[in-house]
Amino acid sequence: MQERQWITDRRSELDALAEQLTKQLQEVQVERDDQEVQVERDELAIAERVLNRLAEQVQADADAAAPAAAQVAGRAVLLIPHHSDATDEAALPGDYRRILAIVREADGPVQVRAVGERLGLNASVRGKLEPLRAKMTKLADRGWLHERPDGRFTARR
Protein backbone atom coordinates (compact mmCIF):
# COMPACT_ATOMS: atom_id res chain seq x y z
CA MET A 1 0.00 0.00 0.00
CA GLN A 2 2.80 2.35 0.80
CA GLU A 3 4.29 1.67 -2.53
CA ARG A 4 1.06 2.70 -4.23
CA GLN A 5 0.93 5.90 -2.22
CA TRP A 6 4.54 6.62 -3.03
CA ILE A 7 3.85 6.03 -6.75
CA THR A 8 0.77 8.29 -6.64
CA ASP A 9 2.67 11.00 -4.78
CA ARG A 10 5.61 10.75 -7.13
CA ARG A 11 3.31 10.90 -10.17
CA SER A 12 1.68 14.05 -8.74
CA GLU A 13 5.11 15.63 -8.18
CA LEU A 14 6.17 14.78 -11.71
CA ASP A 15 2.87 16.10 -13.15
CA ALA A 16 3.30 19.34 -11.22
CA LEU A 17 6.91 19.60 -12.37
CA ALA A 18 5.86 18.94 -15.99
CA GLU A 19 3.17 21.63 -15.69
CA GLN A 20 5.70 24.06 -14.24
CA LEU A 21 8.20 23.30 -17.02
CA THR A 22 5.48 23.71 -19.65
CA LYS A 23 4.66 27.17 -18.26
CA GLN A 24 8.34 28.13 -18.19
CA LEU A 25 8.78 26.90 -21.75
CA GLN A 26 5.80 28.98 -22.88
CA GLU A 27 7.23 32.03 -21.13
CA VAL A 28 10.60 31.49 -22.81
CA GLN A 29 8.91 31.09 -26.19
CA VAL A 30 6.89 34.27 -25.64
CA GLU A 31 10.05 36.12 -24.63
CA ARG A 32 11.86 34.70 -27.66
CA ASP A 33 8.96 35.66 -29.90
CA ASP A 34 9.00 39.14 -28.38
CA GLN A 35 12.73 39.37 -29.02
CA GLU A 36 12.29 38.14 -32.60
CA VAL A 37 9.51 40.67 -33.11
CA GLN A 38 11.74 43.41 -31.72
CA VAL A 39 14.63 42.34 -33.96
CA GLU A 40 12.30 42.34 -36.96
CA ARG A 41 10.99 45.78 -36.00
CA ASP A 42 14.55 47.08 -35.73
CA GLU A 43 15.41 45.60 -39.13
CA LEU A 44 12.30 47.16 -40.67
CA ALA A 45 13.18 50.54 -39.17
CA ILE A 46 16.65 50.30 -40.70
CA ALA A 47 15.20 49.23 -44.04
CA GLU A 48 12.77 52.14 -43.94
CA ARG A 49 15.61 54.60 -43.31
CA VAL A 50 17.61 53.12 -46.20
CA LEU A 51 14.60 53.32 -48.52
CA ASN A 52 13.96 56.93 -47.51
CA ARG A 53 17.57 57.83 -48.25
CA LEU A 54 17.40 56.07 -51.60
CA ALA A 55 14.15 57.84 -52.44
CA GLU A 56 15.72 61.19 -51.53
CA GLN A 57 18.73 60.37 -53.70
CA VAL A 58 16.53 59.32 -56.63
CA GLN A 59 14.50 62.52 -56.25
CA ALA A 60 17.69 64.61 -56.11
CA ASP A 61 18.98 62.87 -59.25
CA ALA A 62 15.65 63.45 -61.00
CA ASP A 63 15.65 67.10 -59.97
CA ALA A 64 19.19 67.50 -61.27
CA ALA A 65 18.29 65.86 -64.59
CA ALA A 66 15.02 67.74 -65.01
CA PRO A 67 15.02 70.65 -67.39
CA ALA A 68 15.80 73.83 -65.54
CA ALA A 69 13.25 76.62 -65.72
CA ALA A 70 14.37 80.21 -66.12
CA GLN A 71 12.67 83.57 -66.40
CA VAL A 72 13.07 85.42 -69.69
CA ALA A 73 11.16 88.67 -70.14
CA GLY A 74 8.91 87.65 -67.27
CA ARG A 75 8.00 84.30 -68.84
CA ALA A 76 9.07 80.88 -67.58
CA VAL A 77 11.04 79.01 -70.22
CA LEU A 78 12.72 75.61 -70.13
CA LEU A 79 16.44 75.51 -70.62
CA ILE A 80 17.67 72.84 -72.99
CA PRO A 81 20.91 71.35 -71.66
CA HIS A 82 23.94 70.81 -73.84
CA HIS A 83 24.44 67.24 -74.96
CA SER A 84 27.23 65.40 -73.16
CA ASP A 85 28.01 61.98 -71.76
CA ALA A 86 26.68 63.16 -68.40
CA THR A 87 23.25 64.17 -69.74
CA ASP A 88 20.71 61.89 -71.27
CA GLU A 89 17.45 62.44 -73.12
CA ALA A 90 15.50 62.47 -69.85
CA ALA A 91 16.92 65.94 -69.26
CA LEU A 92 14.94 67.22 -72.26
CA PRO A 93 11.30 68.30 -72.14
CA GLY A 94 8.85 65.81 -73.68
CA ASP A 95 8.32 67.59 -77.01
CA TYR A 96 12.09 67.82 -77.55
CA ARG A 97 12.47 64.09 -76.78
CA ARG A 98 9.76 63.31 -79.37
CA ILE A 99 11.55 65.42 -81.99
CA LEU A 100 14.84 63.69 -81.22
CA ALA A 101 13.20 60.25 -81.47
CA ILE A 102 11.67 61.06 -84.86
CA VAL A 103 15.00 62.26 -86.25
CA ARG A 104 16.78 59.16 -84.91
CA GLU A 105 14.18 56.85 -86.47
CA ALA A 106 14.65 58.41 -89.90
CA ASP A 107 16.82 56.64 -92.46
CA GLY A 108 18.76 59.79 -93.23
CA PRO A 109 18.60 63.56 -92.93
CA VAL A 110 15.07 64.87 -92.35
CA GLN A 111 13.36 68.12 -93.17
CA VAL A 112 11.42 70.09 -90.60
CA ARG A 113 8.29 69.44 -92.65
CA ALA A 114 8.69 65.63 -92.30
CA VAL A 115 9.12 65.91 -88.52
CA GLY A 116 6.10 68.22 -88.35
CA GLU A 117 3.99 65.72 -90.25
CA ARG A 118 5.04 62.94 -87.87
CA LEU A 119 4.08 65.17 -84.94
CA GLY A 120 0.67 65.79 -86.50
CA LEU A 121 1.25 69.46 -87.36
CA ASN A 122 -0.36 71.04 -90.41
CA ALA A 123 2.76 71.09 -92.60
CA SER A 124 1.06 73.12 -95.35
CA VAL A 125 1.02 76.20 -93.08
CA ARG A 126 4.52 77.62 -92.80
CA GLY A 127 3.75 79.39 -89.54
CA LYS A 128 3.04 76.03 -87.88
CA LEU A 129 6.51 74.74 -88.74
CA GLU A 130 8.57 77.74 -87.60
CA PRO A 131 8.28 76.96 -83.85
CA LEU A 132 9.29 73.38 -84.67
CA ARG A 133 12.26 74.65 -86.71
CA ALA A 134 13.29 76.79 -83.72
CA LYS A 135 13.18 73.76 -81.43
CA MET A 136 15.18 71.64 -83.85
CA THR A 137 17.73 74.44 -84.27
CA LYS A 138 17.98 74.73 -80.48
CA LEU A 139 18.62 70.98 -80.27
CA ALA A 140 21.30 71.37 -82.93
CA ASP A 141 22.88 74.33 -81.11
CA ARG A 142 23.02 72.25 -77.91
CA GLY A 143 24.61 69.25 -79.67
CA TRP A 144 21.63 66.88 -79.72
CA LEU A 145 21.10 67.17 -83.49
CA HIS A 146 23.26 68.19 -86.45
CA GLU A 147 21.87 70.79 -88.86
CA ARG A 148 23.19 70.33 -92.37
CA PRO A 149 23.83 73.24 -94.74
CA ASP A 150 20.75 72.25 -96.77
CA GLY A 151 18.54 72.80 -93.67
CA ARG A 152 17.92 69.14 -92.94
CA PHE A 153 18.70 67.54 -89.60
CA THR A 154 20.41 64.33 -88.49
CA ALA A 155 20.85 62.79 -85.08
CA ARG A 156 24.24 62.89 -83.43
CA ARG A 157 25.39 59.42 -82.52
C-alpha atoms as a PDB file:
ATOM      1  CA  MET A   1       0.000   0.000   0.000  1.00  0.00           C
ATOM      2  CA  GLN A   2       2.799   2.348   0.796  1.00  0.00           C
ATOM      3  CA  GLU A   3       4.286   1.668  -2.532  1.00  0.00           C
ATOM      4  CA  ARG A   4       1.064   2.701  -4.231  1.00  0.00           C
ATOM      5  CA  GLN A   5       0.934   5.897  -2.219  1.00  0.00           C
ATOM      6  CA  TRP A   6       4.543   6.619  -3.033  1.00  0.00           C
ATOM      7  CA  ILE A   7       3.853   6.030  -6.753  1.00  0.00           C
ATOM      8  CA  THR A   8       0.772   8.292  -6.641  1.00  0.00           C
ATOM      9  CA  ASP A   9       2.671  11.000  -4.783  1.00  0.00           C
ATOM     10  CA  ARG A  10       5.613  10.748  -7.135  1.00  0.00           C
ATOM     11  CA  ARG A  11       3.307  10.903 -10.170  1.00  0.00           C
ATOM     12  CA  SER A  12       1.676  14.049  -8.741  1.00  0.00           C
ATOM     13  CA  GLU A  13       5.112  15.628  -8.177  1.00  0.00           C
ATOM     14  CA  LEU A  14       6.166  14.777 -11.714  1.00  0.00           C
ATOM     15  CA  ASP A  15       2.874  16.104 -13.154  1.00  0.00           C
ATOM     16  CA  ALA A  16       3.305  19.340 -11.216  1.00  0.00           C
ATOM     17  CA  LEU A  17       6.915  19.597 -12.371  1.00  0.00           C
ATOM     18  CA  ALA A  18       5.859  18.936 -15.987  1.00  0.00           C
ATOM     19  CA  GLU A  19       3.171  21.628 -15.693  1.00  0.00           C
ATOM     20  CA  GLN A  20       5.702  24.057 -14.241  1.00  0.00           C
ATOM     21  CA  LEU A  21       8.203  23.295 -17.020  1.00  0.00           C
ATOM     22  CA  THR A  22       5.485  23.714 -19.652  1.00  0.00           C
ATOM     23  CA  LYS A  23       4.659  27.166 -18.259  1.00  0.00           C
ATOM     24  CA  GLN A  24       8.338  28.130 -18.188  1.00  0.00           C
ATOM     25  CA  LEU A  25       8.778  26.903 -21.751  1.00  0.00           C
ATOM     26  CA  GLN A  26       5.799  28.983 -22.882  1.00  0.00           C
ATOM     27  CA  GLU A  27       7.231  32.032 -21.129  1.00  0.00           C
ATOM     28  CA  VAL A  28      10.601  31.492 -22.811  1.00  0.00           C
ATOM     29  CA  GLN A  29       8.907  31.090 -26.187  1.00  0.00           C
ATOM     30  CA  VAL A  30       6.888  34.270 -25.643  1.00  0.00           C
ATOM     31  CA  GLU A  31      10.055  36.121 -24.634  1.00  0.00           C
ATOM     32  CA  ARG A  32      11.861  34.704 -27.665  1.00  0.00           C
ATOM     33  CA  ASP A  33       8.955  35.657 -29.901  1.00  0.00           C
ATOM     34  CA  ASP A  34       8.998  39.138 -28.377  1.00  0.00           C
ATOM     35  CA  GLN A  35      12.732  39.367 -29.016  1.00  0.00           C
ATOM     36  CA  GLU A  36      12.287  38.142 -32.597  1.00  0.00           C
ATOM     37  CA  VAL A  37       9.513  40.666 -33.111  1.00  0.00           C
ATOM     38  CA  GLN A  38      11.736  43.413 -31.716  1.00  0.00           C
ATOM     39  CA  VAL A  39      14.626  42.336 -33.956  1.00  0.00           C
ATOM     40  CA  GLU A  40      12.305  42.342 -36.959  1.00  0.00           C
ATOM     41  CA  ARG A  41      10.988  45.785 -36.005  1.00  0.00           C
ATOM     42  CA  ASP A  42      14.547  47.077 -35.729  1.00  0.00           C
ATOM     43  CA  GLU A  43      15.411  45.596 -39.127  1.00  0.00           C
ATOM     44  CA  LEU A  44      12.300  47.157 -40.666  1.00  0.00           C
ATOM     45  CA  ALA A  45      13.182  50.541 -39.169  1.00  0.00           C
ATOM     46  CA  ILE A  46      16.653  50.298 -40.700  1.00  0.00           C
ATOM     47  CA  ALA A  47      15.199  49.226 -44.043  1.00  0.00           C
ATOM     48  CA  GLU A  48      12.769  52.140 -43.940  1.00  0.00           C
ATOM     49  CA  ARG A  49      15.610  54.602 -43.305  1.00  0.00           C
ATOM     50  CA  VAL A  50      17.613  53.124 -46.198  1.00  0.00           C
ATOM     51  CA  LEU A  51      14.600  53.316 -48.522  1.00  0.00           C
ATOM     52  CA  ASN A  52      13.958  56.932 -47.507  1.00  0.00           C
ATOM     53  CA  ARG A  53      17.573  57.828 -48.247  1.00  0.00           C
ATOM     54  CA  LEU A  54      17.403  56.072 -51.603  1.00  0.00           C
ATOM     55  CA  ALA A  55      14.147  57.837 -52.438  1.00  0.00           C
ATOM     56  CA  GLU A  56      15.725  61.187 -51.531  1.00  0.00           C
ATOM     57  CA  GLN A  57      18.730  60.369 -53.701  1.00  0.00           C
ATOM     58  CA  VAL A  58      16.531  59.319 -56.635  1.00  0.00           C
ATOM     59  CA  GLN A  59      14.499  62.523 -56.250  1.00  0.00           C
ATOM     60  CA  ALA A  60      17.685  64.608 -56.106  1.00  0.00           C
ATOM     61  CA  ASP A  61      18.981  62.872 -59.246  1.00  0.00           C
ATOM     62  CA  ALA A  62      15.651  63.446 -61.003  1.00  0.00           C
ATOM     63  CA  ASP A  63      15.648  67.097 -59.973  1.00  0.00           C
ATOM     64  CA  ALA A  64      19.188  67.496 -61.268  1.00  0.00           C
ATOM     65  CA  ALA A  65      18.292  65.858 -64.590  1.00  0.00           C
ATOM     66  CA  ALA A  66      15.018  67.736 -65.007  1.00  0.00           C
ATOM     67  CA  PRO A  67      15.022  70.652 -67.391  1.00  0.00           C
ATOM     68  CA  ALA A  68      15.803  73.832 -65.539  1.00  0.00           C
ATOM     69  CA  ALA A  69      13.246  76.617 -65.720  1.00  0.00           C
ATOM     70  CA  ALA A  70      14.368  80.205 -66.119  1.00  0.00           C
ATOM     71  CA  GLN A  71      12.671  83.574 -66.397  1.00  0.00           C
ATOM     72  CA  VAL A  72      13.070  85.416 -69.694  1.00  0.00           C
ATOM     73  CA  ALA A  73      11.163  88.665 -70.139  1.00  0.00           C
ATOM     74  CA  GLY A  74       8.912  87.650 -67.265  1.00  0.00           C
ATOM     75  CA  ARG A  75       8.003  84.297 -68.837  1.00  0.00           C
ATOM     76  CA  ALA A  76       9.068  80.876 -67.584  1.00  0.00           C
ATOM     77  CA  VAL A  77      11.039  79.007 -70.216  1.00  0.00           C
ATOM     78  CA  LEU A  78      12.720  75.613 -70.131  1.00  0.00           C
ATOM     79  CA  LEU A  79      16.436  75.511 -70.618  1.00  0.00           C
ATOM     80  CA  ILE A  80      17.673  72.843 -72.986  1.00  0.00           C
ATOM     81  CA  PRO A  81      20.911  71.347 -71.658  1.00  0.00           C
ATOM     82  CA  HIS A  82      23.943  70.809 -73.837  1.00  0.00           C
ATOM     83  CA  HIS A  83      24.440  67.236 -74.955  1.00  0.00           C
ATOM     84  CA  SER A  84      27.230  65.398 -73.157  1.00  0.00           C
ATOM     85  CA  ASP A  85      28.005  61.980 -71.756  1.00  0.00           C
ATOM     86  CA  ALA A  86      26.678  63.161 -68.397  1.00  0.00           C
ATOM     87  CA  THR A  87      23.253  64.174 -69.737  1.00  0.00           C
ATOM     88  CA  ASP A  88      20.705  61.889 -71.272  1.00  0.00           C
ATOM     89  CA  GLU A  89      17.451  62.444 -73.117  1.00  0.00           C
ATOM     90  CA  ALA A  90      15.503  62.465 -69.846  1.00  0.00           C
ATOM     91  CA  ALA A  91      16.921  65.944 -69.257  1.00  0.00           C
ATOM     92  CA  LEU A  92      14.943  67.219 -72.256  1.00  0.00           C
ATOM     93  CA  PRO A  93      11.301  68.295 -72.144  1.00  0.00           C
ATOM     94  CA  GLY A  94       8.848  65.813 -73.678  1.00  0.00           C
ATOM     95  CA  ASP A  95       8.323  67.585 -77.009  1.00  0.00           C
ATOM     96  CA  TYR A  96      12.091  67.816 -77.555  1.00  0.00           C
ATOM     97  CA  ARG A  97      12.466  64.094 -76.779  1.00  0.00           C
ATOM     98  CA  ARG A  98       9.760  63.310 -79.373  1.00  0.00           C
ATOM     99  CA  ILE A  99      11.551  65.421 -81.987  1.00  0.00           C
ATOM    100  CA  LEU A 100      14.842  63.690 -81.220  1.00  0.00           C
ATOM    101  CA  ALA A 101      13.204  60.250 -81.466  1.00  0.00           C
ATOM    102  CA  ILE A 102      11.672  61.062 -84.860  1.00  0.00           C
ATOM    103  CA  VAL A 103      15.001  62.259 -86.251  1.00  0.00           C
ATOM    104  CA  ARG A 104      16.781  59.165 -84.905  1.00  0.00           C
ATOM    105  CA  GLU A 105      14.183  56.849 -86.470  1.00  0.00           C
ATOM    106  CA  ALA A 106      14.652  58.408 -89.901  1.00  0.00           C
ATOM    107  CA  ASP A 107      16.823  56.635 -92.460  1.00  0.00           C
ATOM    108  CA  GLY A 108      18.758  59.790 -93.230  1.00  0.00           C
ATOM    109  CA  PRO A 109      18.601  63.563 -92.928  1.00  0.00           C
ATOM    110  CA  VAL A 110      15.070  64.870 -92.348  1.00  0.00           C
ATOM    111  CA  GLN A 111      13.364  68.123 -93.175  1.00  0.00           C
ATOM    112  CA  VAL A 112      11.425  70.086 -90.597  1.00  0.00           C
ATOM    113  CA  ARG A 113       8.285  69.437 -92.648  1.00  0.00           C
ATOM    114  CA  ALA A 114       8.686  65.633 -92.297  1.00  0.00           C
ATOM    115  CA  VAL A 115       9.121  65.912 -88.521  1.00  0.00           C
ATOM    116  CA  GLY A 116       6.096  68.220 -88.348  1.00  0.00           C
ATOM    117  CA  GLU A 117       3.987  65.724 -90.253  1.00  0.00           C
ATOM    118  CA  ARG A 118       5.040  62.937 -87.866  1.00  0.00           C
ATOM    119  CA  LEU A 119       4.083  65.173 -84.942  1.00  0.00           C
ATOM    120  CA  GLY A 120       0.670  65.794 -86.501  1.00  0.00           C
ATOM    121  CA  LEU A 121       1.254  69.456 -87.365  1.00  0.00           C
ATOM    122  CA  ASN A 122      -0.365  71.040 -90.407  1.00  0.00           C
ATOM    123  CA  ALA A 123       2.761  71.087 -92.596  1.00  0.00           C
ATOM    124  CA  SER A 124       1.059  73.115 -95.349  1.00  0.00           C
ATOM    125  CA  VAL A 125       1.019  76.198 -93.075  1.00  0.00           C
ATOM    126  CA  ARG A 126       4.524  77.619 -92.804  1.00  0.00           C
ATOM    127  CA  GLY A 127       3.746  79.392 -89.540  1.00  0.00           C
ATOM    128  CA  LYS A 128       3.042  76.028 -87.877  1.00  0.00           C
ATOM    129  CA  LEU A 129       6.515  74.738 -88.740  1.00  0.00           C
ATOM    130  CA  GLU A 130       8.570  77.737 -87.597  1.00  0.00           C
ATOM    131  CA  PRO A 131       8.280  76.956 -83.853  1.00  0.00           C
ATOM    132  CA  LEU A 132       9.292  73.383 -84.673  1.00  0.00           C
ATOM    133  CA  ARG A 133      12.260  74.648 -86.715  1.00  0.00           C
ATOM    134  CA  ALA A 134      13.291  76.785 -83.725  1.00  0.00           C
ATOM    135  CA  LYS A 135      13.177  73.765 -81.430  1.00  0.00           C
ATOM    136  CA  MET A 136      15.183  71.639 -83.847  1.00  0.00           C
ATOM    137  CA  THR A 137      17.726  74.437 -84.271  1.00  0.00           C
ATOM    138  CA  LYS A 138      17.984  74.735 -80.484  1.00  0.00           C
ATOM    139  CA  LEU A 139      18.617  70.985 -80.272  1.00  0.00           C
ATOM    140  CA  ALA A 140      21.303  71.365 -82.925  1.00  0.00           C
ATOM    141  CA  ASP A 141      22.879  74.328 -81.105  1.00  0.00           C
ATOM    142  CA  ARG A 142      23.020  72.247 -77.910  1.00  0.00           C
ATOM    143  CA  GLY A 143      24.607  69.254 -79.673  1.00  0.00           C
ATOM    144  CA  TRP A 144      21.628  66.883 -79.721  1.00  0.00           C
ATOM    145  CA  LEU A 145      21.099  67.174 -83.494  1.00  0.00           C
ATOM    146  CA  HIS A 146      23.255  68.191 -86.449  1.00  0.00           C
ATOM    147  CA  GLU A 147      21.871  70.793 -88.859  1.00  0.00           C
ATOM    148  CA  ARG A 148      23.187  70.328 -92.368  1.00  0.00           C
ATOM    149  CA  PRO A 149      23.830  73.244 -94.741  1.00  0.00           C
ATOM    150  CA  ASP A 150      20.746  72.250 -96.772  1.00  0.00           C
ATOM    151  CA  GLY A 151      18.540  72.797 -93.668  1.00  0.00           C
ATOM    152  CA  ARG A 152      17.922  69.141 -92.943  1.00  0.00           C
ATOM    153  CA  PHE A 153      18.704  67.536 -89.596  1.00  0.00           C
ATOM    154  CA  THR A 154      20.411  64.332 -88.493  1.00  0.00           C
ATOM    155  CA  ALA A 155      20.852  62.792 -85.075  1.00  0.00           C
ATOM    156  CA  ARG A 156      24.241  62.889 -83.432  1.00  0.00           C
ATOM    157  CA  ARG A 157      25.390  59.418 -82.522  1.00  0.00           C
END
